[in-house]
Amino acid sequence: MGIEFASERGLIQARRRRGIILKLVRQGHENQFSRMDDFEVWAMLQKLGQTVGRDQVVTLLQDLQVLDYIDFKSQTNEITGRVELSMIQLTATGLRFVTAGRSNDDVLFA
């Protein structure tokens, strides 16, 4: 039961973090801020009390891209070898989804 609970908790946390990211991107659009990068998303999640690593943020953003909710530019830093994401923005599908504000199996709006 312990492993099952931990697995379920991890899935819920990922869904919730995806929802937070989508809301942050939308707020940036509404306020006409410049497009975020993965570091800014990570820093904002930290400020909101979400304990998450930078690599996890990249994975969450990649998940949201696969789901067609966001788009971004991706490049590998030649010095560090890290994948860096920039120009994060909602897709049309993502905009409709965020403005509807209804959770689904992939994203949890809390």
N, C-alpha and C. Protein backbone atom coordinates (compact mmCIF):
# COMPACT_ATOMS: atom_id res chain seq x y z
N MET A 1 0.81 -1.19 0.00
CA MET A 1 0.00 0.00 0.00
C MET A 1 0.86 1.26 0.00
N GLY A 2 2.01 1.26 0.67
CA GLY A 2 2.87 2.42 0.75
C GLY A 2 3.39 2.86 -0.62
N ILE A 3 3.82 1.90 -1.42
CA ILE A 3 4.34 2.21 -2.75
C ILE A 3 3.22 2.73 -3.64
N GLU A 4 2.05 2.11 -3.54
CA GLU A 4 0.90 2.55 -4.32
C GLU A 4 0.53 4.00 -3.99
N PHE A 5 0.52 4.31 -2.70
CA PHE A 5 0.19 5.66 -2.24
C PHE A 5 1.21 6.67 -2.76
N ALA A 6 2.48 6.32 -2.67
CA ALA A 6 3.54 7.22 -3.14
C ALA A 6 3.42 7.46 -4.64
N SER A 7 3.11 6.42 -5.39
CA SER A 7 2.95 6.55 -6.84
C SER A 7 1.76 7.45 -7.18
N GLU A 8 0.64 7.23 -6.50
CA GLU A 8 -0.56 8.05 -6.73
C GLU A 8 -0.27 9.51 -6.35
N ARG A 9 0.42 9.70 -5.25
CA ARG A 9 0.75 11.06 -4.81
C ARG A 9 1.62 11.76 -5.85
N GLY A 10 2.61 11.04 -6.41
CA GLY A 10 3.47 11.61 -7.44
C GLY A 10 2.69 12.03 -8.67
N LEU A 11 1.72 11.21 -9.07
CA LEU A 11 0.88 11.54 -10.23
C LEU A 11 0.05 12.79 -9.96
N ILE A 12 -0.52 12.88 -8.77
CA ILE A 12 -1.32 14.05 -8.42
C ILE A 12 -0.45 15.30 -8.39
N GLN A 13 0.75 15.19 -7.83
CA GLN A 13 1.66 16.34 -7.79
C GLN A 13 2.02 16.80 -9.20
N ALA A 14 2.29 15.87 -10.09
CA ALA A 14 2.64 16.23 -11.47
C ALA A 14 1.46 16.92 -12.16
N ARG A 15 0.26 16.38 -11.98
CA ARG A 15 -0.94 17.00 -12.57
C ARG A 15 -1.14 18.41 -12.03
N ARG A 16 -0.96 18.57 -10.72
CA ARG A 16 -1.15 19.89 -10.10
C ARG A 16 -0.10 20.87 -10.59
N ARG A 17 1.14 20.43 -10.67
CA ARG A 17 2.21 21.32 -11.15
C ARG A 17 2.00 21.72 -12.60
N ARG A 18 1.50 20.82 -13.42
CA ARG A 18 1.17 21.18 -14.81
C ARG A 18 0.10 22.28 -14.82
N GLY A 19 -0.90 22.14 -13.94
CA GLY A 19 -1.94 23.16 -13.85
C GLY A 19 -1.39 24.51 -13.42
N ILE A 20 -0.49 24.50 -12.45
CA ILE A 20 0.12 25.75 -11.99
C ILE A 20 0.92 26.39 -13.12
N ILE A 21 1.68 25.59 -13.84
CA ILE A 21 2.48 26.12 -14.95
C ILE A 21 1.58 26.76 -15.99
N LEU A 22 0.49 26.09 -16.36
CA LEU A 22 -0.41 26.65 -17.36
C LEU A 22 -1.00 27.98 -16.88
N LYS A 23 -1.36 28.06 -15.61
CA LYS A 23 -1.89 29.31 -15.07
C LYS A 23 -0.83 30.41 -15.10
N LEU A 24 0.41 30.08 -14.76
CA LEU A 24 1.48 31.07 -14.79
C LEU A 24 1.72 31.60 -16.20
N VAL A 25 1.73 30.69 -17.17
CA VAL A 25 1.93 31.11 -18.56
C VAL A 25 0.78 32.01 -18.99
N ARG A 26 -0.44 31.65 -18.64
CA ARG A 26 -1.61 32.46 -19.00
C ARG A 26 -1.54 33.85 -18.36
N GLN A 27 -1.17 33.90 -17.08
CA GLN A 27 -1.05 35.20 -16.40
C GLN A 27 0.01 36.07 -17.08
N GLY A 28 1.09 35.45 -17.51
CA GLY A 28 2.11 36.20 -18.25
C GLY A 28 1.57 36.77 -19.54
N HIS A 29 0.78 35.98 -20.26
CA HIS A 29 0.17 36.46 -21.50
C HIS A 29 -0.77 37.63 -21.21
N GLU A 30 -1.63 37.45 -20.19
CA GLU A 30 -2.61 38.49 -19.86
C GLU A 30 -1.94 39.81 -19.48
N ASN A 31 -0.80 39.73 -18.82
CA ASN A 31 -0.08 40.93 -18.39
C ASN A 31 0.93 41.42 -19.42
N GLN A 32 0.97 40.76 -20.57
CA GLN A 32 1.88 41.12 -21.66
C GLN A 32 3.34 41.11 -21.24
N PHE A 33 3.71 40.16 -20.36
CA PHE A 33 5.10 39.98 -19.97
C PHE A 33 5.83 39.26 -21.10
N SER A 34 7.15 39.33 -21.08
CA SER A 34 7.92 38.57 -22.05
C SER A 34 7.75 37.08 -21.77
N ARG A 35 7.96 36.27 -22.77
CA ARG A 35 7.79 34.83 -22.63
C ARG A 35 8.80 34.27 -21.63
N MET A 36 8.35 33.32 -20.81
CA MET A 36 9.21 32.73 -19.79
C MET A 36 10.15 31.69 -20.38
N ASP A 37 11.17 31.37 -19.57
CA ASP A 37 12.04 30.23 -19.88
C ASP A 37 11.91 29.24 -18.73
N ASP A 38 12.56 28.09 -18.86
CA ASP A 38 12.40 27.04 -17.85
C ASP A 38 12.93 27.48 -16.48
N PHE A 39 13.96 28.31 -16.45
CA PHE A 39 14.50 28.77 -15.16
C PHE A 39 13.47 29.64 -14.43
N GLU A 40 12.82 30.52 -15.15
CA GLU A 40 11.80 31.38 -14.53
C GLU A 40 10.62 30.56 -14.02
N VAL A 41 10.19 29.56 -14.77
CA VAL A 41 9.12 28.68 -14.32
C VAL A 41 9.55 27.97 -13.04
N TRP A 42 10.77 27.44 -13.02
CA TRP A 42 11.29 26.76 -11.84
C TRP A 42 11.31 27.71 -10.64
N ALA A 43 11.81 28.92 -10.83
CA ALA A 43 11.89 29.90 -9.73
C ALA A 43 10.50 30.25 -9.21
N MET A 44 9.54 30.39 -10.09
CA MET A 44 8.18 30.73 -9.67
C MET A 44 7.55 29.57 -8.91
N LEU A 45 7.77 28.35 -9.35
CA LEU A 45 7.26 27.18 -8.63
C LEU A 45 7.86 27.11 -7.23
N GLN A 46 9.15 27.40 -7.12
CA GLN A 46 9.81 27.41 -5.81
C GLN A 46 9.15 28.45 -4.90
N LYS A 47 8.90 29.63 -5.44
CA LYS A 47 8.28 30.71 -4.68
C LYS A 47 6.88 30.32 -4.21
N LEU A 48 6.20 29.49 -4.99
CA LEU A 48 4.85 29.03 -4.65
C LEU A 48 4.87 27.81 -3.72
N GLY A 49 6.06 27.41 -3.27
CA GLY A 49 6.18 26.32 -2.31
C GLY A 49 6.22 24.93 -2.93
N GLN A 50 6.43 24.86 -4.24
CA GLN A 50 6.51 23.57 -4.91
C GLN A 50 7.98 23.11 -4.92
N THR A 51 8.29 22.03 -4.22
CA THR A 51 9.64 21.50 -4.20
C THR A 51 9.82 20.65 -5.45
N VAL A 52 10.51 21.20 -6.41
CA VAL A 52 10.68 20.54 -7.70
C VAL A 52 12.05 20.94 -8.26
N GLY A 53 12.73 19.98 -8.88
CA GLY A 53 14.04 20.24 -9.47
C GLY A 53 13.91 20.84 -10.86
N ARG A 54 15.00 21.42 -11.31
CA ARG A 54 14.97 22.04 -12.64
C ARG A 54 14.72 21.03 -13.74
N ASP A 55 15.29 19.83 -13.61
CA ASP A 55 15.05 18.80 -14.62
C ASP A 55 13.58 18.37 -14.63
N GLN A 56 12.96 18.32 -13.43
CA GLN A 56 11.53 17.99 -13.36
C GLN A 56 10.69 19.05 -14.07
N VAL A 57 11.09 20.32 -13.94
CA VAL A 57 10.36 21.39 -14.62
C VAL A 57 10.45 21.21 -16.13
N VAL A 58 11.63 20.88 -16.62
CA VAL A 58 11.79 20.65 -18.06
C VAL A 58 10.88 19.50 -18.49
N THR A 59 10.82 18.43 -17.70
CA THR A 59 9.95 17.30 -18.03
C THR A 59 8.49 17.71 -18.02
N LEU A 60 8.06 18.49 -17.03
CA LEU A 60 6.67 18.96 -16.97
C LEU A 60 6.34 19.81 -18.20
N LEU A 61 7.26 20.68 -18.58
CA LEU A 61 7.03 21.52 -19.76
C LEU A 61 6.97 20.66 -21.03
N GLN A 62 7.84 19.67 -21.12
CA GLN A 62 7.80 18.77 -22.28
C GLN A 62 6.49 17.99 -22.32
N ASP A 63 6.00 17.57 -21.14
CA ASP A 63 4.70 16.89 -21.08
C ASP A 63 3.60 17.79 -21.63
N LEU A 64 3.61 19.05 -21.21
CA LEU A 64 2.58 19.99 -21.65
C LEU A 64 2.68 20.26 -23.15
N GLN A 65 3.89 20.19 -23.70
CA GLN A 65 4.04 20.36 -25.14
C GLN A 65 3.47 19.15 -25.87
N VAL A 66 3.75 17.95 -25.37
CA VAL A 66 3.22 16.73 -25.99
C VAL A 66 1.69 16.75 -25.97
N LEU A 67 1.12 17.30 -24.89
CA LEU A 67 -0.34 17.41 -24.77
C LEU A 67 -0.91 18.54 -25.62
N ASP A 68 -0.04 19.30 -26.30
CA ASP A 68 -0.40 20.42 -27.17
C ASP A 68 -1.01 21.60 -26.39
N TYR A 69 -0.57 21.79 -25.15
CA TYR A 69 -1.04 22.93 -24.36
C TYR A 69 -0.08 24.10 -24.42
N ILE A 70 1.21 23.83 -24.60
CA ILE A 70 2.20 24.90 -24.72
C ILE A 70 3.16 24.59 -25.85
N ASP A 71 3.89 25.62 -26.23
CA ASP A 71 4.97 25.46 -27.19
C ASP A 71 6.16 26.26 -26.67
N PHE A 72 7.36 25.93 -27.11
CA PHE A 72 8.56 26.62 -26.67
C PHE A 72 9.70 26.31 -27.62
N LYS A 73 10.77 27.07 -27.48
CA LYS A 73 12.01 26.79 -28.20
C LYS A 73 12.90 25.97 -27.28
N SER A 74 13.59 25.01 -27.84
CA SER A 74 14.45 24.13 -27.05
C SER A 74 15.85 24.14 -27.66
N GLN A 75 16.85 24.25 -26.78
CA GLN A 75 18.22 24.13 -27.26
C GLN A 75 19.08 23.53 -26.15
N THR A 76 20.17 22.94 -26.53
CA THR A 76 21.10 22.36 -25.56
C THR A 76 22.24 23.34 -25.33
N ASN A 77 22.51 23.65 -24.07
CA ASN A 77 23.61 24.52 -23.71
C ASN A 77 24.91 23.76 -23.98
N GLU A 78 25.76 24.33 -24.81
CA GLU A 78 27.00 23.65 -25.21
C GLU A 78 27.97 23.47 -24.04
N ILE A 79 27.90 24.35 -23.06
CA ILE A 79 28.83 24.28 -21.93
C ILE A 79 28.36 23.25 -20.90
N THR A 80 27.08 23.33 -20.52
CA THR A 80 26.58 22.45 -19.45
C THR A 80 25.95 21.16 -19.97
N GLY A 81 25.53 21.15 -21.22
CA GLY A 81 24.84 19.99 -21.78
C GLY A 81 23.37 19.93 -21.38
N ARG A 82 22.89 20.93 -20.62
CA ARG A 82 21.49 20.97 -20.19
C ARG A 82 20.58 21.40 -21.33
N VAL A 83 19.39 20.84 -21.35
CA VAL A 83 18.35 21.31 -22.27
C VAL A 83 17.77 22.58 -21.67
N GLU A 84 17.68 23.63 -22.47
CA GLU A 84 17.12 24.90 -22.03
C GLU A 84 15.92 25.23 -22.89
N LEU A 85 14.82 25.59 -22.22
CA LEU A 85 13.58 25.91 -22.91
C LEU A 85 13.30 27.40 -22.77
N SER A 86 12.89 28.03 -23.84
CA SER A 86 12.60 29.46 -23.80
C SER A 86 11.37 29.76 -24.65
N MET A 87 10.91 31.00 -24.56
CA MET A 87 9.76 31.46 -25.35
C MET A 87 8.53 30.58 -25.12
N ILE A 88 8.27 30.24 -23.86
CA ILE A 88 7.15 29.36 -23.51
C ILE A 88 5.84 30.12 -23.72
N GLN A 89 4.93 29.52 -24.46
CA GLN A 89 3.63 30.15 -24.71
C GLN A 89 2.54 29.10 -24.86
N LEU A 90 1.32 29.52 -24.60
CA LEU A 90 0.16 28.64 -24.77
C LEU A 90 -0.13 28.43 -26.24
N THR A 91 -0.56 27.25 -26.58
CA THR A 91 -1.10 26.99 -27.92
C THR A 91 -2.58 27.37 -27.89
N ALA A 92 -3.23 27.32 -29.02
CA ALA A 92 -4.68 27.59 -29.06
C ALA A 92 -5.43 26.58 -28.19
N THR A 93 -5.01 25.32 -28.26
CA THR A 93 -5.62 24.28 -27.43
C THR A 93 -5.40 24.59 -25.95
N GLY A 94 -4.19 25.00 -25.61
CA GLY A 94 -3.87 25.34 -24.23
C GLY A 94 -4.67 26.52 -23.72
N LEU A 95 -4.85 27.52 -24.56
CA LEU A 95 -5.63 28.69 -24.18
C LEU A 95 -7.07 28.30 -23.88
N ARG A 96 -7.67 27.51 -24.77
CA ARG A 96 -9.05 27.06 -24.54
C ARG A 96 -9.15 26.25 -23.26
N PHE A 97 -8.17 25.40 -23.03
CA PHE A 97 -8.18 24.53 -21.85
C PHE A 97 -8.05 25.35 -20.56
N VAL A 98 -7.10 26.29 -20.53
CA VAL A 98 -6.88 27.09 -19.32
C VAL A 98 -8.08 27.98 -19.04
N THR A 99 -8.64 28.60 -20.06
CA THR A 99 -9.77 29.50 -19.82
C THR A 99 -11.01 28.72 -19.38
N ALA A 100 -11.14 27.47 -19.80
CA ALA A 100 -12.25 26.63 -19.32
C ALA A 100 -12.04 26.27 -17.86
N GLY A 101 -10.78 26.11 -17.45
CA GLY A 101 -10.44 25.86 -16.06
C GLY A 101 -10.92 24.54 -15.48
N ARG A 102 -11.10 23.56 -16.34
CA ARG A 102 -11.55 22.25 -15.87
C ARG A 102 -10.40 21.26 -15.90
N SER A 103 -10.20 20.58 -14.81
CA SER A 103 -9.14 19.57 -14.72
C SER A 103 -9.47 18.38 -15.63
N ASN A 104 -8.43 17.63 -15.97
CA ASN A 104 -8.63 16.38 -16.71
C ASN A 104 -7.64 15.35 -16.17
N ASP A 105 -7.45 14.26 -16.87
CA ASP A 105 -6.54 13.20 -16.40
C ASP A 105 -5.08 13.61 -16.37
N ASP A 106 -4.72 14.67 -17.10
CA ASP A 106 -3.33 15.10 -17.21
C ASP A 106 -2.99 16.34 -16.41
N VAL A 107 -3.99 17.19 -16.17
CA VAL A 107 -3.78 18.49 -15.52
C VAL A 107 -4.81 18.68 -14.43
N LEU A 108 -4.34 19.15 -13.27
CA LEU A 108 -5.23 19.42 -12.15
C LEU A 108 -5.18 20.90 -11.81
N PHE A 109 -6.31 21.57 -11.95
CA PHE A 109 -6.44 22.95 -11.52
C PHE A 109 -6.98 22.95 -10.09
N ALA A 110 -6.18 23.46 -9.17
CA ALA A 110 -6.60 23.47 -7.77
C ALA A 110 -7.06 24.85 -7.36
